[in-house]
Amino acid sequence: MKTTLNIDDAVMVELKREAARQGRTMSEMVETALRMMLRERKKRGPLPPLPTFSSAMLVDISDRDALYRAMEEEDALYRPMERSK
């Protein structure tokens, strides 16, 4: 299939030089590089699930004041208790 790509000038100079050194066409070089990249991506497999955290607190994050209050309340839960003298 024929297509048009926009490639950075510096990358293109390097591609031409490497293609000439290997006696291959630039199309062959680009196709090989793309195949390697796509094959490597398949080997990685699916991403692991993101961690979840349980919290009884629901906050509307578009409400800045509510968000700050919730963050302050959560901070208070984790602060060490002061000892009475």
C-alpha atoms as a PDB file:
ATOM      1  CA  MET A   1       0.000   0.000   0.000  1.00  0.00           C
ATOM      2  CA  LYS A   2       1.287   3.424  -0.863  1.00  0.00           C
ATOM      3  CA  THR A   3       0.952   6.201   1.723  1.00  0.00           C
ATOM      4  CA  THR A   4       2.367   9.595   2.636  1.00  0.00           C
ATOM      5  CA  LEU A   5       4.068  10.237   5.972  1.00  0.00           C
ATOM      6  CA  ASN A   6       5.514  13.373   7.543  1.00  0.00           C
ATOM      7  CA  ILE A   7       8.902  12.478   8.995  1.00  0.00           C
ATOM      8  CA  ASP A   8      11.235  14.818  10.858  1.00  0.00           C
ATOM      9  CA  ASP A   9      14.129  15.989   8.667  1.00  0.00           C
ATOM     10  CA  ALA A  10      16.805  14.697  11.046  1.00  0.00           C
ATOM     11  CA  VAL A  11      15.146  11.264  11.194  1.00  0.00           C
ATOM     12  CA  MET A  12      14.870  11.204   7.401  1.00  0.00           C
ATOM     13  CA  VAL A  13      18.592  11.955   6.975  1.00  0.00           C
ATOM     14  CA  GLU A  14      19.434   9.128   9.355  1.00  0.00           C
ATOM     15  CA  LEU A  15      16.989   6.791   7.601  1.00  0.00           C
ATOM     16  CA  LYS A  16      18.512   7.507   4.172  1.00  0.00           C
ATOM     17  CA  ARG A  17      22.024   6.982   5.508  1.00  0.00           C
ATOM     18  CA  GLU A  18      21.138   3.680   7.219  1.00  0.00           C
ATOM     19  CA  ALA A  19      19.189   2.405   4.209  1.00  0.00           C
ATOM     20  CA  ALA A  20      22.175   3.101   1.950  1.00  0.00           C
ATOM     21  CA  ARG A  21      24.546   1.443   4.419  1.00  0.00           C
ATOM     22  CA  GLN A  22      22.392  -1.705   4.504  1.00  0.00           C
ATOM     23  CA  GLY A  23      21.610  -1.667   0.770  1.00  0.00           C
ATOM     24  CA  ARG A  24      17.886  -1.520   1.465  1.00  0.00           C
ATOM     25  CA  THR A  25      15.134   0.885   0.475  1.00  0.00           C
ATOM     26  CA  MET A  26      13.768   3.432   2.921  1.00  0.00           C
ATOM     27  CA  SER A  27      10.359   1.754   2.593  1.00  0.00           C
ATOM     28  CA  GLU A  28      11.860  -1.556   3.713  1.00  0.00           C
ATOM     29  CA  MET A  29      13.523   0.135   6.666  1.00  0.00           C
ATOM     30  CA  VAL A  30      10.329   1.909   7.780  1.00  0.00           C
ATOM     31  CA  GLU A  31       8.241  -1.237   7.360  1.00  0.00           C
ATOM     32  CA  THR A  32      10.739  -3.292   9.387  1.00  0.00           C
ATOM     33  CA  ALA A  33      10.807  -0.690  12.166  1.00  0.00           C
ATOM     34  CA  LEU A  34       7.003  -0.550  12.303  1.00  0.00           C
ATOM     35  CA  ARG A  35       6.714  -4.343  12.390  1.00  0.00           C
ATOM     36  CA  MET A  36       9.204  -4.524  15.260  1.00  0.00           C
ATOM     37  CA  MET A  37       7.365  -1.814  17.207  1.00  0.00           C
ATOM     38  CA  LEU A  38       3.971  -3.461  16.714  1.00  0.00           C
ATOM     39  CA  ARG A  39       5.314  -6.932  17.573  1.00  0.00           C
ATOM     40  CA  GLU A  40       6.903  -5.604  20.771  1.00  0.00           C
ATOM     41  CA  ARG A  41       3.610  -3.989  21.760  1.00  0.00           C
ATOM     42  CA  LYS A  42       1.783  -7.307  21.346  1.00  0.00           C
ATOM     43  CA  LYS A  43       4.354  -9.104  23.538  1.00  0.00           C
ATOM     44  CA  ARG A  44       3.710  -6.770  26.444  1.00  0.00           C
ATOM     45  CA  GLY A  45       0.159  -8.017  26.815  1.00  0.00           C
ATOM     46  CA  PRO A  46      -2.614  -6.211  28.584  1.00  0.00           C
ATOM     47  CA  LEU A  47      -1.859  -3.600  31.178  1.00  0.00           C
ATOM     48  CA  PRO A  48      -2.390  -4.618  34.796  1.00  0.00           C
ATOM     49  CA  PRO A  49      -5.510  -3.225  36.418  1.00  0.00           C
ATOM     50  CA  LEU A  50      -5.207   0.087  38.196  1.00  0.00           C
ATOM     51  CA  PRO A  51      -5.232  -0.049  41.991  1.00  0.00           C
ATOM     52  CA  THR A  52      -8.466   0.782  43.742  1.00  0.00           C
ATOM     53  CA  PHE A  53      -8.909   2.331  47.121  1.00  0.00           C
ATOM     54  CA  SER A  54     -11.902   2.083  49.383  1.00  0.00           C
ATOM     55  CA  SER A  55     -13.218   5.263  50.839  1.00  0.00           C
ATOM     56  CA  ALA A  56     -16.545   6.200  52.330  1.00  0.00           C
ATOM     57  CA  MET A  57     -16.023   9.763  51.141  1.00  0.00           C
ATOM     58  CA  LEU A  58     -17.594  10.899  47.869  1.00  0.00           C
ATOM     59  CA  VAL A  59     -16.599  14.335  46.628  1.00  0.00           C
ATOM     60  CA  ASP A  60     -17.669  16.364  43.636  1.00  0.00           C
ATOM     61  CA  ILE A  61     -14.239  17.267  42.269  1.00  0.00           C
ATOM     62  CA  SER A  62     -15.705  20.209  40.355  1.00  0.00           C
ATOM     63  CA  ASP A  63     -16.513  21.811  43.744  1.00  0.00           C
ATOM     64  CA  ARG A  64     -13.130  23.115  44.853  1.00  0.00           C
ATOM     65  CA  ASP A  65     -14.230  23.975  48.397  1.00  0.00           C
ATOM     66  CA  ALA A  66     -15.737  20.517  48.937  1.00  0.00           C
ATOM     67  CA  LEU A  67     -12.579  18.922  47.579  1.00  0.00           C
ATOM     68  CA  TYR A  68     -10.349  20.913  49.947  1.00  0.00           C
ATOM     69  CA  ARG A  69     -12.596  20.091  52.915  1.00  0.00           C
ATOM     70  CA  ALA A  70     -12.458  16.389  52.060  1.00  0.00           C
ATOM     71  CA  MET A  71      -8.668  16.483  51.745  1.00  0.00           C
ATOM     72  CA  GLU A  72      -8.361  18.228  55.107  1.00  0.00           C
ATOM     73  CA  GLU A  73     -10.665  15.683  56.749  1.00  0.00           C
ATOM     74  CA  GLU A  74      -8.641  12.817  55.309  1.00  0.00           C
ATOM     75  CA  ASP A  75      -5.386  14.411  56.478  1.00  0.00           C
ATOM     76  CA  ALA A  76      -6.827  14.647  59.988  1.00  0.00           C
ATOM     77  CA  LEU A  77      -7.421  10.888  59.978  1.00  0.00           C
ATOM     78  CA  TYR A  78      -3.735  10.205  59.428  1.00  0.00           C
ATOM     79  CA  ARG A  79      -2.171  12.818  61.728  1.00  0.00           C
ATOM     80  CA  PRO A  80      -0.603  11.382  64.879  1.00  0.00           C
ATOM     81  CA  MET A  81      -2.649  12.070  67.971  1.00  0.00           C
ATOM     82  CA  GLU A  82      -1.215  14.646  70.376  1.00  0.00           C
ATOM     83  CA  ARG A  83      -0.439  13.352  73.838  1.00  0.00           C
ATOM     84  CA  SER A  84      -2.041  15.160  76.713  1.00  0.00           C
ATOM     85  CA  LYS A  85       0.399  16.478  79.317  1.00  0.00           C
END
